[in-house]
């Protein structure tokens, strides 16, 4: 079984860090800041995804009225049923 990273599919080459010192709730200076949160989409029989990753973005990555939602940023993906060529 194979899984595709939705972030990497929609944002190739962008780090998409979900655990970062940009968030003041993360006080540990020596933590390996990186993307810790993933959405994985199962690949199809021939390596392609079973669902199309239309978009993937960070959420809760800014405070609201000075309050951060979590020490991690969230990740949300829009998934679509892929269009398949019609059989004749």
PDB file of N, CA and C in Angstrom:
ATOM      1  N   UNK A   1       0.844  -1.167   0.000  1.00  0.00           N
ATOM      2  CA  UNK A   1       0.000   0.000   0.000  1.00  0.00           C
ATOM      3  C   UNK A   1       0.894   1.236   0.000  1.00  0.00           C
ATOM      4  N   UNK A   2       0.458   2.253  -0.692  1.00  0.00           N
ATOM      5  CA  UNK A   2       1.240   3.473  -0.871  1.00  0.00           C
ATOM      6  C   UNK A   2       0.382   4.676  -0.474  1.00  0.00           C
ATOM      7  N   UNK A   3       1.000   5.648   0.177  1.00  0.00           N
ATOM      8  CA  UNK A   3       0.305   6.883   0.555  1.00  0.00           C
ATOM      9  C   UNK A   3       1.075   8.074   0.030  1.00  0.00           C
ATOM     10  N   UNK A   4       0.340   9.081  -0.417  1.00  0.00           N
ATOM     11  CA  UNK A   4       0.915  10.321  -0.919  1.00  0.00           C
ATOM     12  C   UNK A   4       0.685  11.423   0.103  1.00  0.00           C
ATOM     13  N   UNK A   5       1.701  12.263   0.298  1.00  0.00           N
ATOM     14  CA  UNK A   5       1.621  13.406   1.202  1.00  0.00           C
ATOM     15  C   UNK A   5       0.861  14.524   0.490  1.00  0.00           C
ATOM     16  N   UNK A   6      -0.314  14.902   1.014  1.00  0.00           N
ATOM     17  CA  UNK A   6      -1.154  15.921   0.368  1.00  0.00           C
ATOM     18  C   UNK A   6      -0.430  17.263   0.278  1.00  0.00           C
ATOM     19  N   UNK A   7       0.319  17.637   1.318  1.00  0.00           N
ATOM     20  CA  UNK A   7       1.038  18.915   1.287  1.00  0.00           C
ATOM     21  C   UNK A   7       2.050  18.935   0.147  1.00  0.00           C
ATOM     22  N   UNK A   8       2.865  17.917   0.061  1.00  0.00           N
ATOM     23  CA  UNK A   8       3.894  17.854  -0.975  1.00  0.00           C
ATOM     24  C   UNK A   8       3.274  17.814  -2.366  1.00  0.00           C
ATOM     25  N   UNK A   9       2.141  17.158  -2.517  1.00  0.00           N
ATOM     26  CA  UNK A   9       1.464  17.102  -3.818  1.00  0.00           C
ATOM     27  C   UNK A   9       0.985  18.485  -4.255  1.00  0.00           C
ATOM     28  N   UNK A  10       0.465  19.272  -3.317  1.00  0.00           N
ATOM     29  CA  UNK A  10      -0.107  20.577  -3.640  1.00  0.00           C
ATOM     30  C   UNK A  10       0.911  21.713  -3.570  1.00  0.00           C
ATOM     31  N   UNK A  11       1.979  21.525  -2.801  1.00  0.00           N
ATOM     32  CA  UNK A  11       2.955  22.602  -2.560  1.00  0.00           C
ATOM     33  C   UNK A  11       4.380  22.080  -2.673  1.00  0.00           C
ATOM     34  N   UNK A  12       4.767  21.539  -3.826  1.00  0.00           N
ATOM     35  CA  UNK A  12       6.104  20.935  -3.927  1.00  0.00           C
ATOM     36  C   UNK A  12       7.215  21.927  -3.592  1.00  0.00           C
ATOM     37  N   UNK A  13       8.132  21.454  -2.773  1.00  0.00           N
ATOM     38  CA  UNK A  13       9.281  22.271  -2.401  1.00  0.00           C
ATOM     39  C   UNK A  13       9.056  23.251  -1.258  1.00  0.00           C
ATOM     40  N   UNK A  14       7.806  23.443  -0.827  1.00  0.00           N
ATOM     41  CA  UNK A  14       7.524  24.338   0.302  1.00  0.00           C
ATOM     42  C   UNK A  14       7.544  23.529   1.595  1.00  0.00           C
ATOM     43  N   UNK A  15       8.176  24.054   2.658  1.00  0.00           N
ATOM     44  CA  UNK A  15       8.325  23.261   3.878  1.00  0.00           C
ATOM     45  C   UNK A  15       7.019  22.995   4.625  1.00  0.00           C
ATOM     46  N   UNK A  16       6.097  23.946   4.677  1.00  0.00           N
ATOM     47  CA  UNK A  16       4.820  23.731   5.353  1.00  0.00           C
ATOM     48  C   UNK A  16       4.967  23.390   6.828  1.00  0.00           C
ATOM     49  N   UNK A  17       5.898  24.041   7.505  1.00  0.00           N
ATOM     50  CA  UNK A  17       6.161  23.721   8.911  1.00  0.00           C
ATOM     51  C   UNK A  17       4.901  23.911   9.764  1.00  0.00           C
ATOM     52  N   UNK A  18       4.578  22.904  10.550  1.00  0.00           N
ATOM     53  CA  UNK A  18       3.433  22.993  11.463  1.00  0.00           C
ATOM     54  C   UNK A  18       3.871  23.153  12.913  1.00  0.00           C
ATOM     55  N   UNK A  19       5.147  22.958  13.170  1.00  0.00           N
ATOM     56  CA  UNK A  19       5.706  23.134  14.501  1.00  0.00           C
ATOM     57  C   UNK A  19       6.895  24.052  14.332  1.00  0.00           C
ATOM     58  N   UNK A  20       6.747  25.313  14.732  1.00  0.00           N
ATOM     59  CA  UNK A  20       7.721  26.337  14.384  1.00  0.00           C
ATOM     60  C   UNK A  20       7.821  27.388  15.488  1.00  0.00           C
ATOM     61  N   UNK A  21       8.978  28.019  15.643  1.00  0.00           N
ATOM     62  CA  UNK A  21       9.106  29.062  16.654  1.00  0.00           C
ATOM     63  C   UNK A  21       8.304  30.327  16.321  1.00  0.00           C
ATOM     64  N   UNK A  22       7.702  30.406  15.130  1.00  0.00           N
ATOM     65  CA  UNK A  22       6.768  31.513  14.841  1.00  0.00           C
ATOM     66  C   UNK A  22       5.625  31.518  15.851  1.00  0.00           C
ATOM     67  N   UNK A  23       5.333  30.342  16.401  1.00  0.00           N
ATOM     68  CA  UNK A  23       4.269  30.189  17.389  1.00  0.00           C
ATOM     69  C   UNK A  23       4.897  30.301  18.785  1.00  0.00           C
ATOM     70  N   UNK A  24       4.512  31.312  19.566  1.00  0.00           N
ATOM     71  CA  UNK A  24       5.143  31.502  20.880  1.00  0.00           C
ATOM     72  C   UNK A  24       4.817  30.397  21.888  1.00  0.00           C
ATOM     73  N   UNK A  25       3.851  29.538  21.590  1.00  0.00           N
ATOM     74  CA  UNK A  25       3.578  28.405  22.482  1.00  0.00           C
ATOM     75  C   UNK A  25       4.679  27.354  22.416  1.00  0.00           C
ATOM     76  N   UNK A  26       5.519  27.450  21.406  1.00  0.00           N
ATOM     77  CA  UNK A  26       6.639  26.525  21.235  1.00  0.00           C
ATOM     78  C   UNK A  26       7.868  27.207  21.831  1.00  0.00           C
ATOM     79  N   UNK A  27       8.175  26.866  23.053  1.00  0.00           N
ATOM     80  CA  UNK A  27       9.251  27.563  23.767  1.00  0.00           C
ATOM     81  C   UNK A  27      10.570  26.808  23.753  1.00  0.00           C
ATOM     82  N   UNK A  28      10.592  25.577  23.305  1.00  0.00           N
ATOM     83  CA  UNK A  28      11.798  24.762  23.348  1.00  0.00           C
ATOM     84  C   UNK A  28      12.720  25.129  22.190  1.00  0.00           C
ATOM     85  N   UNK A  29      13.770  25.862  22.461  1.00  0.00           N
ATOM     86  CA  UNK A  29      14.655  26.401  21.430  1.00  0.00           C
ATOM     87  C   UNK A  29      15.385  25.341  20.614  1.00  0.00           C
ATOM     88  N   UNK A  30      15.578  24.125  21.172  1.00  0.00           N
ATOM     89  CA  UNK A  30      16.349  23.121  20.434  1.00  0.00           C
ATOM     90  C   UNK A  30      15.486  22.046  19.779  1.00  0.00           C
ATOM     91  N   UNK A  31      14.184  22.277  19.745  1.00  0.00           N
ATOM     92  CA  UNK A  31      13.304  21.308  19.086  1.00  0.00           C
ATOM     93  C   UNK A  31      13.538  21.352  17.573  1.00  0.00           C
ATOM     94  N   UNK A  32      13.477  20.215  16.897  1.00  0.00           N
ATOM     95  CA  UNK A  32      13.675  20.225  15.437  1.00  0.00           C
ATOM     96  C   UNK A  32      12.408  20.732  14.735  1.00  0.00           C
ATOM     97  N   UNK A  33      12.341  22.026  14.536  1.00  0.00           N
ATOM     98  CA  UNK A  33      11.152  22.630  13.939  1.00  0.00           C
ATOM     99  C   UNK A  33      10.988  22.147  12.509  1.00  0.00           C
ATOM    100  N   UNK A  34       9.784  21.679  12.217  1.00  0.00           N
ATOM    101  CA  UNK A  34       9.491  21.121  10.899  1.00  0.00           C
ATOM    102  C   UNK A  34       8.004  20.838  10.795  1.00  0.00           C
ATOM    103  N   UNK A  35       7.623  20.198   9.737  1.00  0.00           N
ATOM    104  CA  UNK A  35       6.229  19.781   9.583  1.00  0.00           C
ATOM    105  C   UNK A  35       6.064  18.446  10.302  1.00  0.00           C
ATOM    106  N   UNK A  36       5.222  18.451  11.315  1.00  0.00           N
ATOM    107  CA  UNK A  36       4.948  17.233  12.083  1.00  0.00           C
ATOM    108  C   UNK A  36       3.573  16.661  11.764  1.00  0.00           C
ATOM    109  N   UNK A  37       2.755  17.431  11.085  1.00  0.00           N
ATOM    110  CA  UNK A  37       1.362  17.055  10.845  1.00  0.00           C
ATOM    111  C   UNK A  37       1.144  16.813   9.351  1.00  0.00           C
ATOM    112  N   UNK A  38       0.505  15.714   9.025  1.00  0.00           N
ATOM    113  CA  UNK A  38       0.372  15.271   7.635  1.00  0.00           C
ATOM    114  C   UNK A  38      -1.061  14.850   7.335  1.00  0.00           C
ATOM    115  N   UNK A  39      -1.427  14.969   6.072  1.00  0.00           N
ATOM    116  CA  UNK A  39      -2.621  14.331   5.535  1.00  0.00           C
ATOM    117  C   UNK A  39      -2.106  13.391   4.457  1.00  0.00           C
ATOM    118  N   UNK A  40      -2.378  12.117   4.614  1.00  0.00           N
ATOM    119  CA  UNK A  40      -1.903  11.118   3.667  1.00  0.00           C
ATOM    120  C   UNK A  40      -3.081  10.599   2.853  1.00  0.00           C
ATOM    121  N   UNK A  41      -2.882  10.520   1.539  1.00  0.00           N
ATOM    122  CA  UNK A  41      -3.916  10.065   0.618  1.00  0.00           C
ATOM    123  C   UNK A  41      -3.435   8.767  -0.008  1.00  0.00           C
ATOM    124  N   UNK A  42      -4.271   7.740   0.085  1.00  0.00           N
ATOM    125  CA  UNK A  42      -3.884   6.436  -0.453  1.00  0.00           C
ATOM    126  C   UNK A  42      -3.705   6.505  -1.958  1.00  0.00           C
ATOM    127  N   UNK A  43      -2.640   5.887  -2.443  1.00  0.00           N
ATOM    128  CA  UNK A  43      -2.391   5.826  -3.881  1.00  0.00           C
ATOM    129  C   UNK A  43      -3.190   4.693  -4.490  1.00  0.00           C
ATOM    130  N   UNK A  44      -3.489   4.853  -5.767  1.00  0.00           N
ATOM    131  CA  UNK A  44      -4.249   3.838  -6.488  1.00  0.00           C
ATOM    132  C   UNK A  44      -3.389   2.655  -6.880  1.00  0.00           C
ATOM    133  N   UNK A  45      -3.999   1.771  -7.608  1.00  0.00           N
ATOM    134  CA  UNK A  45      -3.375   0.513  -8.005  1.00  0.00           C
ATOM    135  C   UNK A  45      -2.070   0.716  -8.783  1.00  0.00           C
ATOM    136  N   UNK A  46      -2.003   1.769  -9.596  1.00  0.00           N
ATOM    137  CA  UNK A  46      -0.826   2.000 -10.434  1.00  0.00           C
ATOM    138  C   UNK A  46      -0.011   3.197  -9.973  1.00  0.00           C
ATOM    139  N   UNK A  47      -0.059   3.504  -8.685  1.00  0.00           N
ATOM    140  CA  UNK A  47       0.767   4.557  -8.126  1.00  0.00           C
ATOM    141  C   UNK A  47       0.113   5.920  -8.037  1.00  0.00           C
ATOM    142  N   UNK A  48      -0.981   6.142  -8.743  1.00  0.00           N
ATOM    143  CA  UNK A  48      -1.668   7.433  -8.673  1.00  0.00           C
ATOM    144  C   UNK A  48      -2.572   7.482  -7.458  1.00  0.00           C
ATOM    145  N   UNK A  49      -2.941   8.680  -7.029  1.00  0.00           N
ATOM    146  CA  UNK A  49      -3.812   8.786  -5.850  1.00  0.00           C
ATOM    147  C   UNK A  49      -5.236   8.340  -6.166  1.00  0.00           C
ATOM    148  N   UNK A  50      -5.905   7.812  -5.162  1.00  0.00           N
ATOM    149  CA  UNK A  50      -7.301   7.440  -5.342  1.00  0.00           C
ATOM    150  C   UNK A  50      -8.181   8.679  -5.314  1.00  0.00           C
ATOM    151  N   UNK A  51      -7.693   9.761  -4.700  1.00  0.00           N
ATOM    152  CA  UNK A  51      -8.367  11.058  -4.705  1.00  0.00           C
ATOM    153  C   UNK A  51      -7.376  12.100  -5.191  1.00  0.00           C
ATOM    154  N   UNK A  52      -7.876  13.103  -5.893  1.00  0.00           N
ATOM    155  CA  UNK A  52      -7.037  14.198  -6.366  1.00  0.00           C
ATOM    156  C   UNK A  52      -6.857  15.212  -5.237  1.00  0.00           C
ATOM    157  N   UNK A  53      -5.648  15.644  -5.004  1.00  0.00           N
ATOM    158  CA  UNK A  53      -5.372  16.682  -4.018  1.00  0.00           C
ATOM    159  C   UNK A  53      -5.520  18.021  -4.740  1.00  0.00           C
ATOM    160  N   UNK A  54      -6.667  18.696  -4.536  1.00  0.00           N
ATOM    161  CA  UNK A  54      -6.934  19.970  -5.205  1.00  0.00           C
ATOM    162  C   UNK A  54      -6.156  21.107  -4.552  1.00  0.00           C
ATOM    163  N   UNK A  55      -6.036  21.057  -3.225  1.00  0.00           N
ATOM    164  CA  UNK A  55      -5.281  22.076  -2.500  1.00  0.00           C
ATOM    165  C   UNK A  55      -4.937  21.543  -1.117  1.00  0.00           C
ATOM    166  N   UNK A  56      -3.950  22.159  -0.513  1.00  0.00           N
ATOM    167  CA  UNK A  56      -3.568  21.821   0.855  1.00  0.00           C
ATOM    168  C   UNK A  56      -2.945  23.074   1.445  1.00  0.00           C
ATOM    169  N   UNK A  57      -3.367  23.442   2.652  1.00  0.00           N
ATOM    170  CA  UNK A  57      -2.860  24.680   3.250  1.00  0.00           C
ATOM    171  C   UNK A  57      -2.805  24.543   4.766  1.00  0.00           C
ATOM    172  N   UNK A  58      -2.058  25.475   5.378  1.00  0.00           N
ATOM    173  CA  UNK A  58      -1.999  25.541   6.833  1.00  0.00           C
ATOM    174  C   UNK A  58      -3.204  26.315   7.355  1.00  0.00           C
ATOM    175  N   UNK A  59      -3.686  25.925   8.519  1.00  0.00           N
ATOM    176  CA  UNK A  59      -4.741  26.661   9.210  1.00  0.00           C
ATOM    177  C   UNK A  59      -4.315  26.841  10.662  1.00  0.00           C
ATOM    178  N   UNK A  60      -4.951  27.770  11.351  1.00  0.00           N
ATOM    179  CA  UNK A  60      -4.612  28.086  12.741  1.00  0.00           C
ATOM    180  C   UNK A  60      -3.141  28.489  12.874  1.00  0.00           C
ATOM    181  N   UNK A  61      -2.631  29.152  11.824  1.00  0.00           N
ATOM    182  CA  UNK A  61      -1.224  29.558  11.818  1.00  0.00           C
ATOM    183  C   UNK A  61      -1.037  31.031  12.163  1.00  0.00           C
ATOM    184  N   UNK A  62      -2.080  31.647  12.664  1.00  0.00           N
ATOM    185  CA  UNK A  62      -2.042  33.023  13.158  1.00  0.00           C
ATOM    186  C   UNK A  62      -2.906  33.091  14.416  1.00  0.00           C
ATOM    187  N   UNK A  63      -2.567  33.950  15.360  1.00  0.00           N
ATOM    188  CA  UNK A  63      -3.409  34.071  16.554  1.00  0.00           C
ATOM    189  C   UNK A  63      -4.697  34.822  16.226  1.00  0.00           C
ATOM    190  N   UNK A  64      -5.729  34.535  16.996  1.00  0.00           N
ATOM    191  CA  UNK A  64      -6.999  35.255  16.902  1.00  0.00           C
ATOM    192  C   UNK A  64      -7.171  36.002  18.221  1.00  0.00           C
ATOM    193  N   UNK A  65      -7.220  37.315  18.141  1.00  0.00           N
ATOM    194  CA  UNK A  65      -7.295  38.157  19.344  1.00  0.00           C
ATOM    195  C   UNK A  65      -6.180  37.822  20.328  1.00  0.00           C
ATOM    196  N   UNK A  66      -4.984  37.535  19.781  1.00  0.00           N
ATOM    197  CA  UNK A  66      -3.820  37.253  20.611  1.00  0.00           C
ATOM    198  C   UNK A  66      -3.734  35.825  21.139  1.00  0.00           C
ATOM    199  N   UNK A  67      -4.662  34.967  20.749  1.00  0.00           N
ATOM    200  CA  UNK A  67      -4.694  33.585  21.255  1.00  0.00           C
ATOM    201  C   UNK A  67      -4.384  32.607  20.120  1.00  0.00           C
ATOM    202  N   UNK A  68      -3.401  31.744  20.369  1.00  0.00           N
ATOM    203  CA  UNK A  68      -3.058  30.692  19.405  1.00  0.00           C
ATOM    204  C   UNK A  68      -3.921  29.469  19.685  1.00  0.00           C
ATOM    205  N   UNK A  69      -4.394  28.793  18.656  1.00  0.00           N
ATOM    206  CA  UNK A  69      -5.265  27.624  18.813  1.00  0.00           C
ATOM    207  C   UNK A  69      -4.526  26.425  19.401  1.00  0.00           C
ATOM    208  N   UNK A  70      -3.239  26.310  19.108  1.00  0.00           N
ATOM    209  CA  UNK A  70      -2.474  25.126  19.516  1.00  0.00           C
ATOM    210  C   UNK A  70      -0.995  25.432  19.377  1.00  0.00           C
ATOM    211  N   UNK A  71      -0.153  24.515  19.859  1.00  0.00           N
ATOM    212  CA  UNK A  71       1.276  24.656  19.619  1.00  0.00           C
ATOM    213  C   UNK A  71       1.645  24.164  18.220  1.00  0.00           C
ATOM    214  N   UNK A  72       0.725  23.473  17.552  1.00  0.00           N
ATOM    215  CA  UNK A  72       0.908  23.034  16.164  1.00  0.00           C
ATOM    216  C   UNK A  72      -0.044  23.821  15.289  1.00  0.00           C
ATOM    217  N   UNK A  73       0.381  24.103  14.065  1.00  0.00           N
ATOM    218  CA  UNK A  73      -0.544  24.631  13.070  1.00  0.00           C
ATOM    219  C   UNK A  73      -1.310  23.439  12.494  1.00  0.00           C
ATOM    220  N   UNK A  74      -2.501  23.699  12.015  1.00  0.00           N
ATOM    221  CA  UNK A  74      -3.297  22.642  11.393  1.00  0.00           C
ATOM    222  C   UNK A  74      -3.016  22.552   9.901  1.00  0.00           C
ATOM    223  N   UNK A  75      -3.433  21.445   9.313  1.00  0.00           N
ATOM    224  CA  UNK A  75      -3.320  21.226   7.872  1.00  0.00           C
ATOM    225  C   UNK A  75      -4.697  20.815   7.377  1.00  0.00           C
ATOM    226  N   UNK A  76      -5.137  21.421   6.271  1.00  0.00           N
ATOM    227  CA  UNK A  76      -6.417  21.057   5.676  1.00  0.00           C
ATOM    228  C   UNK A  76      -6.198  20.841   4.179  1.00  0.00           C
ATOM    229  N   UNK A  77      -6.847  19.828   3.639  1.00  0.00           N
ATOM    230  CA  UNK A  77      -6.720  19.528   2.213  1.00  0.00           C
ATOM    231  C   UNK A  77      -8.100  19.427   1.592  1.00  0.00           C
ATOM    232  N   UNK A  78      -8.189  19.908   0.365  1.00  0.00           N
ATOM    233  CA  UNK A  78      -9.399  19.709  -0.427  1.00  0.00           C
ATOM    234  C   UNK A  78      -9.107  18.559  -1.369  1.00  0.00           C
ATOM    235  N   UNK A  79      -9.910  17.513  -1.254  1.00  0.00           N
ATOM    236  CA  UNK A  79      -9.734  16.314  -2.072  1.00  0.00           C
ATOM    237  C   UNK A  79     -10.916  16.174  -3.014  1.00  0.00           C
ATOM    238  N   UNK A  80     -10.649  15.717  -4.228  1.00  0.00           N
ATOM    239  CA  UNK A  80     -11.696  15.539  -5.231  1.00  0.00           C
ATOM    240  C   UNK A  80     -11.602  14.145  -5.823  1.00  0.00           C
ATOM    241  N   UNK A  81     -12.728  13.662  -6.277  1.00  0.00           N
ATOM    242  CA  UNK A  81     -12.727  12.403  -7.025  1.00  0.00           C
ATOM    243  C   UNK A  81     -12.124  12.711  -8.385  1.00  0.00           C
ATOM    244  N   UNK A  82     -11.075  11.996  -8.783  1.00  0.00           N
ATOM    245  CA  UNK A  82     -10.425  12.318 -10.059  1.00  0.00           C
ATOM    246  C   UNK A  82     -11.338  12.008 -11.237  1.00  0.00           C
ATOM    247  N   UNK A  83     -11.188  12.806 -12.281  1.00  0.00           N
ATOM    248  CA  UNK A  83     -11.952  12.537 -13.498  1.00  0.00           C
ATOM    249  C   UNK A  83     -11.225  11.451 -14.263  1.00  0.00           C
ATOM    250  N   UNK A  84     -11.983  10.548 -14.791  1.00  0.00           N
ATOM    251  CA  UNK A  84     -11.424   9.435 -15.544  1.00  0.00           C
ATOM    252  C   UNK A  84     -11.892   9.549 -16.997  1.00  0.00           C
ATOM    253  N   UNK A  85     -11.031   9.208 -17.933  1.00  0.00           N
ATOM    254  CA  UNK A  85     -11.464   9.227 -19.339  1.00  0.00           C
ATOM    255  C   UNK A  85     -12.621   8.256 -19.552  1.00  0.00           C
ATOM    256  N   UNK A  86     -13.575   8.670 -20.345  1.00  0.00           N
ATOM    257  CA  UNK A  86     -14.737   7.807 -20.647  1.00  0.00           C
ATOM    258  C   UNK A  86     -14.339   6.644 -21.537  1.00  0.00           C
ATOM    259  N   UNK A  87     -14.888   5.484 -21.245  1.00  0.00           N
ATOM    260  CA  UNK A  87     -14.665   4.296 -22.106  1.00  0.00           C
ATOM    261  C   UNK A  87     -15.618   4.388 -23.297  1.00  0.00           C
ATOM    262  N   UNK A  88     -15.159   4.005 -24.447  1.00  0.00           N
ATOM    263  CA  UNK A  88     -16.020   4.029 -25.646  1.00  0.00           C
ATOM    264  C   UNK A  88     -16.642   2.706 -25.868  1.00  0.00           C
TER     265      UNK A  88
END
